[in-house]
Amino acid sequence: CLKESGVTAFFTRSSAANIPVNMALAEKLR
């Protein structure tokens, strides 16, 4: 979660902007 979500969120600085990244990770985790 830190690598695939946290790293992108660190640079976007917006939880809302990181929602698609989290959705993709959740799908990957089935």
PDB file of all heavy atoms in Angstrom:
ATOM      1  N   CYS A   1       0.834  -1.217   0.000  1.00  0.00           N
ATOM      2  CA  CYS A   1       0.000   0.000   0.000  1.00  0.00           C
ATOM      3  C   CYS A   1       0.863   1.260   0.000  1.00  0.00           C
ATOM      4  O   CYS A   1       0.558   2.235  -0.697  1.00  0.00           O
ATOM      5  CB  CYS A   1      -0.943  -0.010   1.200  1.00  0.00           C
ATOM      6  SG  CYS A   1      -2.202  -1.309   1.131  1.00  0.00           S
ATOM      7  N   LEU A   2       1.940   1.239   0.786  1.00  0.00           N
ATOM      8  CA  LEU A   2       2.820   2.408   0.834  1.00  0.00           C
ATOM      9  C   LEU A   2       3.507   2.635  -0.506  1.00  0.00           C
ATOM     10  O   LEU A   2       3.639   3.770  -0.969  1.00  0.00           O
ATOM     11  CB  LEU A   2       3.874   2.234   1.942  1.00  0.00           C
ATOM     12  CG  LEU A   2       3.388   2.452   3.373  1.00  0.00           C
ATOM     13  CD1 LEU A   2       4.463   2.045   4.370  1.00  0.00           C
ATOM     14  CD2 LEU A   2       2.973   3.900   3.613  1.00  0.00           C
ATOM     15  N   LYS A   3       3.934   1.539  -1.159  1.00  0.00           N
ATOM     16  CA  LYS A   3       4.658   1.672  -2.424  1.00  0.00           C
ATOM     17  C   LYS A   3       3.739   2.088  -3.565  1.00  0.00           C
ATOM     18  O   LYS A   3       4.055   3.004  -4.332  1.00  0.00           O
ATOM     19  CB  LYS A   3       5.352   0.354  -2.775  1.00  0.00           C
ATOM     20  CG  LYS A   3       6.345   0.487  -3.928  1.00  0.00           C
ATOM     21  CD  LYS A   3       6.692  -0.844  -4.543  1.00  0.00           C
ATOM     22  CE  LYS A   3       5.588  -1.305  -5.480  1.00  0.00           C
ATOM     23  NZ  LYS A   3       5.981  -2.423  -6.347  1.00  0.00           N
ATOM     24  N   GLU A   4       2.577   1.439  -3.663  1.00  0.00           N
ATOM     25  CA  GLU A   4       1.720   1.656  -4.826  1.00  0.00           C
ATOM     26  C   GLU A   4       0.727   2.800  -4.643  1.00  0.00           C
ATOM     27  O   GLU A   4       0.212   3.341  -5.618  1.00  0.00           O
ATOM     28  CB  GLU A   4       0.978   0.361  -5.170  1.00  0.00           C
ATOM     29  CG  GLU A   4       1.930  -0.771  -5.524  1.00  0.00           C
ATOM     30  CD  GLU A   4       1.241  -1.894  -6.269  1.00  0.00           C
ATOM     31  OE1 GLU A   4       0.153  -1.666  -6.838  1.00  0.00           O
ATOM     32  OE2 GLU A   4       1.792  -3.002  -6.277  1.00  0.00           O
ATOM     33  N   SER A   5       0.445   3.165  -3.402  1.00  0.00           N
ATOM     34  CA  SER A   5      -0.472   4.281  -3.152  1.00  0.00           C
ATOM     35  C   SER A   5       0.257   5.468  -2.527  1.00  0.00           C
ATOM     36  O   SER A   5       0.101   6.601  -2.966  1.00  0.00           O
ATOM     37  CB  SER A   5      -1.609   3.824  -2.226  1.00  0.00           C
ATOM     38  OG  SER A   5      -2.387   4.920  -1.817  1.00  0.00           O
ATOM     39  N   GLY A   6       1.074   5.189  -1.504  1.00  0.00           N
ATOM     40  CA  GLY A   6       1.739   6.257  -0.765  1.00  0.00           C
ATOM     41  C   GLY A   6       2.704   7.081  -1.601  1.00  0.00           C
ATOM     42  O   GLY A   6       2.759   8.309  -1.471  1.00  0.00           O
ATOM     43  N   VAL A   7       3.447   6.421  -2.487  1.00  0.00           N
ATOM     44  CA  VAL A   7       4.452   7.135  -3.294  1.00  0.00           C
ATOM     45  C   VAL A   7       3.782   8.144  -4.227  1.00  0.00           C
ATOM     46  O   VAL A   7       4.209   9.299  -4.322  1.00  0.00           O
ATOM     47  CB  VAL A   7       5.321   6.139  -4.092  1.00  0.00           C
ATOM     48  CG1 VAL A   7       6.208   6.874  -5.091  1.00  0.00           C
ATOM     49  CG2 VAL A   7       6.188   5.319  -3.149  1.00  0.00           C
ATOM     50  N   THR A   8       2.708   7.718  -4.917  1.00  0.00           N
ATOM     51  CA  THR A   8       2.017   8.658  -5.818  1.00  0.00           C
ATOM     52  C   THR A   8       1.339   9.781  -5.031  1.00  0.00           C
ATOM     53  O   THR A   8       1.356  10.941  -5.438  1.00  0.00           O
ATOM     54  CB  THR A   8       0.976   7.937  -6.687  1.00  0.00           C
ATOM     55  OG1 THR A   8       0.087   7.211  -5.839  1.00  0.00           O
ATOM     56  CG2 THR A   8       1.638   6.965  -7.642  1.00  0.00           C
ATOM     57  N   ALA A   9       0.755   9.428  -3.880  1.00  0.00           N
ATOM     58  CA  ALA A   9       0.089  10.443  -3.054  1.00  0.00           C
ATOM     59  C   ALA A   9       1.084  11.472  -2.528  1.00  0.00           C
ATOM     60  O   ALA A   9       0.751  12.651  -2.372  1.00  0.00           O
ATOM     61  CB  ALA A   9      -0.631   9.779  -1.886  1.00  0.00           C
ATOM     62  N   PHE A  10       2.324  11.025  -2.278  1.00  0.00           N
ATOM     63  CA  PHE A  10       3.366  11.928  -1.779  1.00  0.00           C
ATOM     64  C   PHE A  10       3.588  13.080  -2.756  1.00  0.00           C
ATOM     65  O   PHE A  10       3.801  14.221  -2.340  1.00  0.00           O
ATOM     66  CB  PHE A  10       4.668  11.152  -1.571  1.00  0.00           C
ATOM     67  CG  PHE A  10       5.781  11.961  -0.952  1.00  0.00           C
ATOM     68  CD1 PHE A  10       5.930  12.030   0.423  1.00  0.00           C
ATOM     69  CD2 PHE A  10       6.685  12.661  -1.754  1.00  0.00           C
ATOM     70  CE1 PHE A  10       6.948  12.783   1.002  1.00  0.00           C
ATOM     71  CE2 PHE A  10       7.705  13.416  -1.190  1.00  0.00           C
ATOM     72  CZ  PHE A  10       7.838  13.468   0.188  1.00  0.00           C
ATOM     73  N   PHE A  11       3.516  12.789  -4.046  1.00  0.00           N
ATOM     74  CA  PHE A  11       3.798  13.819  -5.051  1.00  0.00           C
ATOM     75  C   PHE A  11       2.546  14.583  -5.489  1.00  0.00           C
ATOM     76  O   PHE A  11       2.635  15.763  -5.837  1.00  0.00           O
ATOM     77  CB  PHE A  11       4.502  13.199  -6.253  1.00  0.00           C
ATOM     78  CG  PHE A  11       5.900  12.729  -5.933  1.00  0.00           C
ATOM     79  CD1 PHE A  11       6.165  11.383  -5.753  1.00  0.00           C
ATOM     80  CD2 PHE A  11       6.928  13.634  -5.764  1.00  0.00           C
ATOM     81  CE1 PHE A  11       7.449  10.950  -5.431  1.00  0.00           C
ATOM     82  CE2 PHE A  11       8.210  13.213  -5.445  1.00  0.00           C
ATOM     83  CZ  PHE A  11       8.471  11.865  -5.275  1.00  0.00           C
ATOM     84  N   THR A  12       1.375  13.930  -5.479  1.00  0.00           N
ATOM     85  CA  THR A  12       0.151  14.664  -5.851  1.00  0.00           C
ATOM     86  C   THR A  12      -0.325  15.560  -4.719  1.00  0.00           C
ATOM     87  O   THR A  12      -0.964  16.574  -4.960  1.00  0.00           O
ATOM     88  CB  THR A  12      -0.990  13.703  -6.224  1.00  0.00           C
ATOM     89  OG1 THR A  12      -1.309  12.879  -5.093  1.00  0.00           O
ATOM     90  CG2 THR A  12      -0.603  12.820  -7.400  1.00  0.00           C
ATOM     91  N   ARG A  13      -0.039  15.176  -3.479  1.00  0.00           N
ATOM     92  CA  ARG A  13      -0.433  15.933  -2.290  1.00  0.00           C
ATOM     93  C   ARG A  13      -1.940  16.144  -2.221  1.00  0.00           C
ATOM     94  O   ARG A  13      -2.419  17.133  -1.692  1.00  0.00           O
ATOM     95  CB  ARG A  13       0.301  17.286  -2.234  1.00  0.00           C
ATOM     96  CG  ARG A  13       1.795  17.161  -2.114  1.00  0.00           C
ATOM     97  CD  ARG A  13       2.508  18.494  -2.268  1.00  0.00           C
ATOM     98  NE  ARG A  13       2.310  19.324  -1.094  1.00  0.00           N
ATOM     99  CZ  ARG A  13       1.945  20.601  -1.149  1.00  0.00           C
ATOM    100  NH1 ARG A  13       1.698  21.191  -2.304  1.00  0.00           N
ATOM    101  NH2 ARG A  13       1.799  21.296  -0.047  1.00  0.00           N
ATOM    102  N   SER A  14      -2.689  15.184  -2.752  1.00  0.00           N
ATOM    103  CA  SER A  14      -4.150  15.261  -2.696  1.00  0.00           C
ATOM    104  C   SER A  14      -4.729  13.857  -2.592  1.00  0.00           C
ATOM    105  O   SER A  14      -4.527  13.029  -3.480  1.00  0.00           O
ATOM    106  CB  SER A  14      -4.695  15.968  -3.938  1.00  0.00           C
ATOM    107  OG  SER A  14      -6.098  15.828  -4.003  1.00  0.00           O
ATOM    108  N   SER A  15      -5.454  13.594  -1.499  1.00  0.00           N
ATOM    109  CA  SER A  15      -6.100  12.289  -1.324  1.00  0.00           C
ATOM    110  C   SER A  15      -7.125  12.045  -2.417  1.00  0.00           C
ATOM    111  O   SER A  15      -7.288  10.923  -2.893  1.00  0.00           O
ATOM    112  CB  SER A  15      -6.782  12.227   0.048  1.00  0.00           C
ATOM    113  OG  SER A  15      -5.831  12.315   1.082  1.00  0.00           O
ATOM    114  N   ALA A  16      -7.824  13.109  -2.812  1.00  0.00           N
ATOM    115  CA  ALA A  16      -8.839  12.978  -3.863  1.00  0.00           C
ATOM    116  C   ALA A  16      -8.199  12.591  -5.195  1.00  0.00           C
ATOM    117  O   ALA A  16      -8.715  11.737  -5.921  1.00  0.00           O
ATOM    118  CB  ALA A  16      -9.612  14.288  -4.007  1.00  0.00           C
ATOM    119  N   ALA A  17      -7.058  13.205  -5.518  1.00  0.00           N
ATOM    120  CA  ALA A  17      -6.371  12.890  -6.772  1.00  0.00           C
ATOM    121  C   ALA A  17      -5.835  11.466  -6.782  1.00  0.00           C
ATOM    122  O   ALA A  17      -5.617  10.883  -7.851  1.00  0.00           O
ATOM    123  CB  ALA A  17      -5.226  13.880  -6.992  1.00  0.00           C
ATOM    124  N   ASN A  18      -5.626  10.893  -5.590  1.00  0.00           N
ATOM    125  CA  ASN A  18      -5.062   9.543  -5.500  1.00  0.00           C
ATOM    126  C   ASN A  18      -6.132   8.448  -5.468  1.00  0.00           C
ATOM    127  O   ASN A  18      -5.800   7.260  -5.412  1.00  0.00           O
ATOM    128  CB  ASN A  18      -4.179   9.430  -4.248  1.00  0.00           C
ATOM    129  CG  ASN A  18      -3.033   8.451  -4.429  1.00  0.00           C
ATOM    130  OD1 ASN A  18      -2.322   8.501  -5.429  1.00  0.00           O
ATOM    131  ND2 ASN A  18      -2.852   7.550  -3.487  1.00  0.00           N
ATOM    132  N   ILE A  19      -7.407   8.833  -5.519  1.00  0.00           N
ATOM    133  CA  ILE A  19      -8.489   7.838  -5.484  1.00  0.00           C
ATOM    134  C   ILE A  19      -8.368   6.819  -6.618  1.00  0.00           C
ATOM    135  O   ILE A  19      -8.481   5.610  -6.366  1.00  0.00           O
ATOM    136  CB  ILE A  19      -9.866   8.537  -5.481  1.00  0.00           C
ATOM    137  CG1 ILE A  19     -10.121   9.189  -4.107  1.00  0.00           C
ATOM    138  CG2 ILE A  19     -10.989   7.542  -5.793  1.00  0.00           C
ATOM    139  CD1 ILE A  19     -11.381  10.026  -4.043  1.00  0.00           C
ATOM    140  N   PRO A  20      -8.144   7.233  -7.884  1.00  0.00           N
ATOM    141  CA  PRO A  20      -8.013   6.223  -8.952  1.00  0.00           C
ATOM    142  C   PRO A  20      -6.879   5.225  -8.716  1.00  0.00           C
ATOM    143  O   PRO A  20      -7.004   4.045  -9.039  1.00  0.00           O
ATOM    144  CB  PRO A  20      -7.747   7.074 -10.203  1.00  0.00           C
ATOM    145  CG  PRO A  20      -8.296   8.420  -9.878  1.00  0.00           C
ATOM    146  CD  PRO A  20      -8.084   8.594  -8.418  1.00  0.00           C
ATOM    147  N   VAL A  21      -5.773   5.695  -8.138  1.00  0.00           N
ATOM    148  CA  VAL A  21      -4.642   4.811  -7.819  1.00  0.00           C
ATOM    149  C   VAL A  21      -5.063   3.772  -6.787  1.00  0.00           C
ATOM    150  O   VAL A  21      -4.768   2.579  -6.917  1.00  0.00           O
ATOM    151  CB  VAL A  21      -3.441   5.638  -7.302  1.00  0.00           C
ATOM    152  CG1 VAL A  21      -2.286   4.733  -6.891  1.00  0.00           C
ATOM    153  CG2 VAL A  21      -2.979   6.633  -8.354  1.00  0.00           C
ATOM    154  N   ASN A  22      -5.780   4.226  -5.750  1.00  0.00           N
ATOM    155  CA  ASN A  22      -6.250   3.313  -4.710  1.00  0.00           C
ATOM    156  C   ASN A  22      -7.276   2.320  -5.252  1.00  0.00           C
ATOM    157  O   ASN A  22      -7.295   1.149  -4.856  1.00  0.00           O
ATOM    158  CB  ASN A  22      -6.850   4.104  -3.542  1.00  0.00           C
ATOM    159  CG  ASN A  22      -5.794   4.675  -2.620  1.00  0.00           C
ATOM    160  OD1 ASN A  22      -4.626   4.296  -2.699  1.00  0.00           O
ATOM    161  ND2 ASN A  22      -6.188   5.590  -1.755  1.00  0.00           N
ATOM    162  N   MET A  23      -8.133   2.786  -6.155  1.00  0.00           N
ATOM    163  CA  MET A  23      -9.128   1.898  -6.777  1.00  0.00           C
ATOM    164  C   MET A  23      -8.433   0.777  -7.556  1.00  0.00           C
ATOM    165  O   MET A  23      -8.815  -0.397  -7.468  1.00  0.00           O
ATOM    166  CB  MET A  23     -10.030   2.702  -7.721  1.00  0.00           C
ATOM    167  CG  MET A  23     -10.923   3.709  -7.023  1.00  0.00           C
ATOM    168  SD  MET A  23     -12.387   2.941  -6.319  1.00  0.00           S
ATOM    169  CE  MET A  23     -13.440   4.363  -6.116  1.00  0.00           C
ATOM    170  N   ALA A  24      -7.406   1.161  -8.313  1.00  0.00           N
ATOM    171  CA  ALA A  24      -6.661   0.168  -9.103  1.00  0.00           C
ATOM    172  C   ALA A  24      -5.961  -0.838  -8.192  1.00  0.00           C
ATOM    173  O   ALA A  24      -5.942  -2.049  -8.474  1.00  0.00           O
ATOM    174  CB  ALA A  24      -5.649   0.871  -9.997  1.00  0.00           C
ATOM    175  N   LEU A  25      -5.407  -0.363  -7.081  1.00  0.00           N
ATOM    176  CA  LEU A  25      -4.742  -1.260  -6.134  1.00  0.00           C
ATOM    177  C   LEU A  25      -5.741  -2.198  -5.463  1.00  0.00           C
ATOM    178  O   LEU A  25      -5.468  -3.394  -5.279  1.00  0.00           O
ATOM    179  CB  LEU A  25      -3.984  -0.438  -5.082  1.00  0.00           C
ATOM    180  CG  LEU A  25      -3.261  -1.223  -3.984  1.00  0.00           C
ATOM    181  CD1 LEU A  25      -2.288  -2.239  -4.572  1.00  0.00           C
ATOM    182  CD2 LEU A  25      -2.532  -0.290  -3.028  1.00  0.00           C
ATOM    183  N   ALA A  26      -6.921  -1.657  -5.103  1.00  0.00           N
ATOM    184  CA  ALA A  26      -7.969  -2.486  -4.492  1.00  0.00           C
ATOM    185  C   ALA A  26      -8.412  -3.589  -5.454  1.00  0.00           C
ATOM    186  O   ALA A  26      -8.640  -4.737  -5.044  1.00  0.00           O
ATOM    187  CB  ALA A  26      -9.159  -1.620  -4.092  1.00  0.00           C
ATOM    188  N   GLU A  27      -8.507  -3.240  -6.739  1.00  0.00           N
ATOM    189  CA  GLU A  27      -8.869  -4.240  -7.751  1.00  0.00           C
ATOM    190  C   GLU A  27      -7.772  -5.295  -7.877  1.00  0.00           C
ATOM    191  O   GLU A  27      -8.047  -6.495  -7.991  1.00  0.00           O
ATOM    192  CB  GLU A  27      -9.088  -3.550  -9.102  1.00  0.00           C
ATOM    193  CG  GLU A  27      -9.617  -4.487 -10.189  1.00  0.00           C
ATOM    194  CD  GLU A  27      -9.868  -3.769 -11.496  1.00  0.00           C
ATOM    195  OE1 GLU A  27      -9.598  -2.546 -11.579  1.00  0.00           O
ATOM    196  OE2 GLU A  27     -10.325  -4.431 -12.443  1.00  0.00           O
ATOM    197  N   LYS A  28      -6.532  -4.865  -7.803  1.00  0.00           N
ATOM    198  CA  LYS A  28      -5.392  -5.780  -7.873  1.00  0.00           C
ATOM    199  C   LYS A  28      -5.389  -6.748  -6.681  1.00  0.00           C
ATOM    200  O   LYS A  28      -5.006  -7.915  -6.806  1.00  0.00           O
ATOM    201  CB  LYS A  28      -4.093  -4.963  -7.908  1.00  0.00           C
ATOM    202  CG  LYS A  28      -2.828  -5.797  -8.032  1.00  0.00           C
ATOM    203  CD  LYS A  28      -1.619  -4.890  -8.104  1.00  0.00           C
ATOM    204  CE  LYS A  28      -0.328  -5.695  -8.143  1.00  0.00           C
ATOM    205  NZ  LYS A  28       0.862  -4.831  -8.200  1.00  0.00           N
ATOM    206  N   LEU A  29      -5.839  -6.241  -5.529  1.00  0.00           N
ATOM    207  CA  LEU A  29      -5.919  -7.069  -4.322  1.00  0.00           C
ATOM    208  C   LEU A  29      -7.179  -7.935  -4.301  1.00  0.00           C
ATOM    209  O   LEU A  29      -7.419  -8.653  -3.333  1.00  0.00           O
ATOM    210  CB  LEU A  29      -5.884  -6.177  -3.066  1.00  0.00           C
ATOM    211  CG  LEU A  29      -4.577  -5.417  -2.804  1.00  0.00           C
ATOM    212  CD1 LEU A  29      -4.757  -4.419  -1.668  1.00  0.00           C
ATOM    213  CD2 LEU A  29      -3.450  -6.380  -2.488  1.00  0.00           C
ATOM    214  N   ARG A  30      -7.995  -7.836  -5.351  1.00  0.00           N
ATOM    215  CA  ARG A  30      -9.239  -8.601  -5.515  1.00  0.00           C
ATOM    216  C   ARG A  30     -10.247  -8.320  -4.385  1.00  0.00           C
ATOM    217  O   ARG A  30     -10.978  -9.199  -3.949  1.00  0.00           O
ATOM    218  CB  ARG A  30      -8.941 -10.101  -5.591  1.00  0.00           C
ATOM    219  CG  ARG A  30      -8.170 -10.486  -6.844  1.00  0.00           C
ATOM    220  CD  ARG A  30      -8.208 -11.962  -7.093  1.00  0.00           C
ATOM    221  NE  ARG A  30      -7.468 -12.693  -6.075  1.00  0.00           N
ATOM    222  CZ  ARG A  30      -7.454 -14.020  -6.004  1.00  0.00           C
ATOM    223  NH1 ARG A  30      -8.135 -14.736  -6.861  1.00  0.00           N
ATOM    224  NH2 ARG A  30      -6.760 -14.618  -5.057  1.00  0.00           N
TER     225      ARG A  30
END
